[in-house]
Protein backbone atom coordinates (compact mmCIF):
# COMPACT_ATOMS: atom_id res chain seq x y z
CA MET A 1 64.72 -50.98 -24.67
CA TRP A 2 66.54 -50.94 -21.31
CA ASN A 3 64.10 -48.39 -19.90
CA ASP A 4 61.19 -50.64 -20.89
CA LEU A 5 62.79 -53.55 -19.06
CA VAL A 6 63.37 -51.46 -15.95
CA ASN A 7 59.81 -50.11 -16.08
CA ASP A 8 58.26 -53.54 -16.61
CA SER A 9 60.32 -55.12 -13.83
CA GLY A 10 59.32 -52.32 -11.45
CA CYS A 11 55.67 -52.96 -12.24
CA TYR A 12 56.11 -56.70 -11.77
CA ASN A 13 57.91 -56.16 -8.45
CA ASP A 14 55.00 -54.00 -7.31
CA LEU A 15 52.59 -56.78 -8.28
CA VAL A 16 54.65 -59.32 -6.32
CA ASP A 17 54.62 -57.06 -3.25
CA THR A 18 50.89 -56.36 -3.37
CA ALA A 19 49.95 -59.98 -4.17
CA THR A 20 52.10 -61.28 -1.33
CA ALA A 21 50.62 -58.73 1.07
CA GLY A 22 47.12 -59.73 -0.03
CA GLN A 23 47.90 -63.40 0.46
CA THR A 24 49.26 -62.66 3.95
CA ARG A 25 45.95 -60.96 4.75
CA GLY A 26 44.06 -64.06 3.58
CA ARG A 27 42.89 -62.68 0.22
CA SER A 28 42.14 -65.07 -2.63
CA VAL A 29 43.63 -64.78 -6.10
CA ASP A 30 40.35 -63.36 -7.43
CA GLN A 31 40.17 -60.81 -4.62
CA ARG A 32 43.75 -59.73 -5.27
CA VAL A 33 43.18 -59.51 -9.02
CA SER A 34 40.01 -57.43 -8.66
CA ALA A 35 41.71 -55.06 -6.20
CA HIS A 36 44.85 -54.54 -8.30
CA SER A 37 45.55 -51.27 -10.01
CA VAL A 38 48.71 -50.38 -11.88
CA PRO A 39 50.61 -47.59 -10.08
CA SER A 40 50.66 -44.34 -12.03
CA GLN A 41 54.40 -44.51 -12.72
CA TYR A 42 53.71 -47.69 -14.73
CA SER A 43 50.67 -46.38 -16.60
CA ASP A 44 52.04 -47.64 -19.91
CA VAL A 45 52.07 -51.25 -18.67
CA VAL A 46 49.00 -53.31 -19.55
CA ALA A 47 48.00 -55.60 -16.68
CA GLY A 48 44.43 -56.64 -17.30
CA PRO A 49 42.54 -59.15 -15.16
CA ASP A 50 43.18 -62.05 -17.55
CA ARG A 51 46.93 -61.53 -17.39
CA LEU A 52 46.83 -61.10 -13.62
CA ARG A 53 44.80 -64.29 -13.15
CA GLY A 54 47.61 -66.08 -14.92
CA THR A 55 50.38 -64.46 -12.86
CA VAL A 56 49.05 -64.04 -9.32
CA PRO A 57 48.66 -67.80 -8.65
CA TYR A 58 52.36 -68.24 -9.40
CA ILE A 59 53.17 -65.51 -6.89
CA PHE A 60 50.88 -67.12 -4.30
CA ASN A 61 52.75 -70.40 -4.85
CA GLY A 62 56.13 -68.73 -4.37
CA GLN A 63 57.26 -68.94 -7.97
């Protein structure tokens, strides 16, 4: 259970970093979502476009 939490938080932190970098470069939410790929070390994490479209706007708004 702990390892899952650590793995999921690492994947989320990666998403925050890449979404923030994309926003800094002037990318839209849709552009960031379509460009996102889950890093290989988090291959067991499901992060499909529908889930990302729900999460990335929060990151863009600093939440």
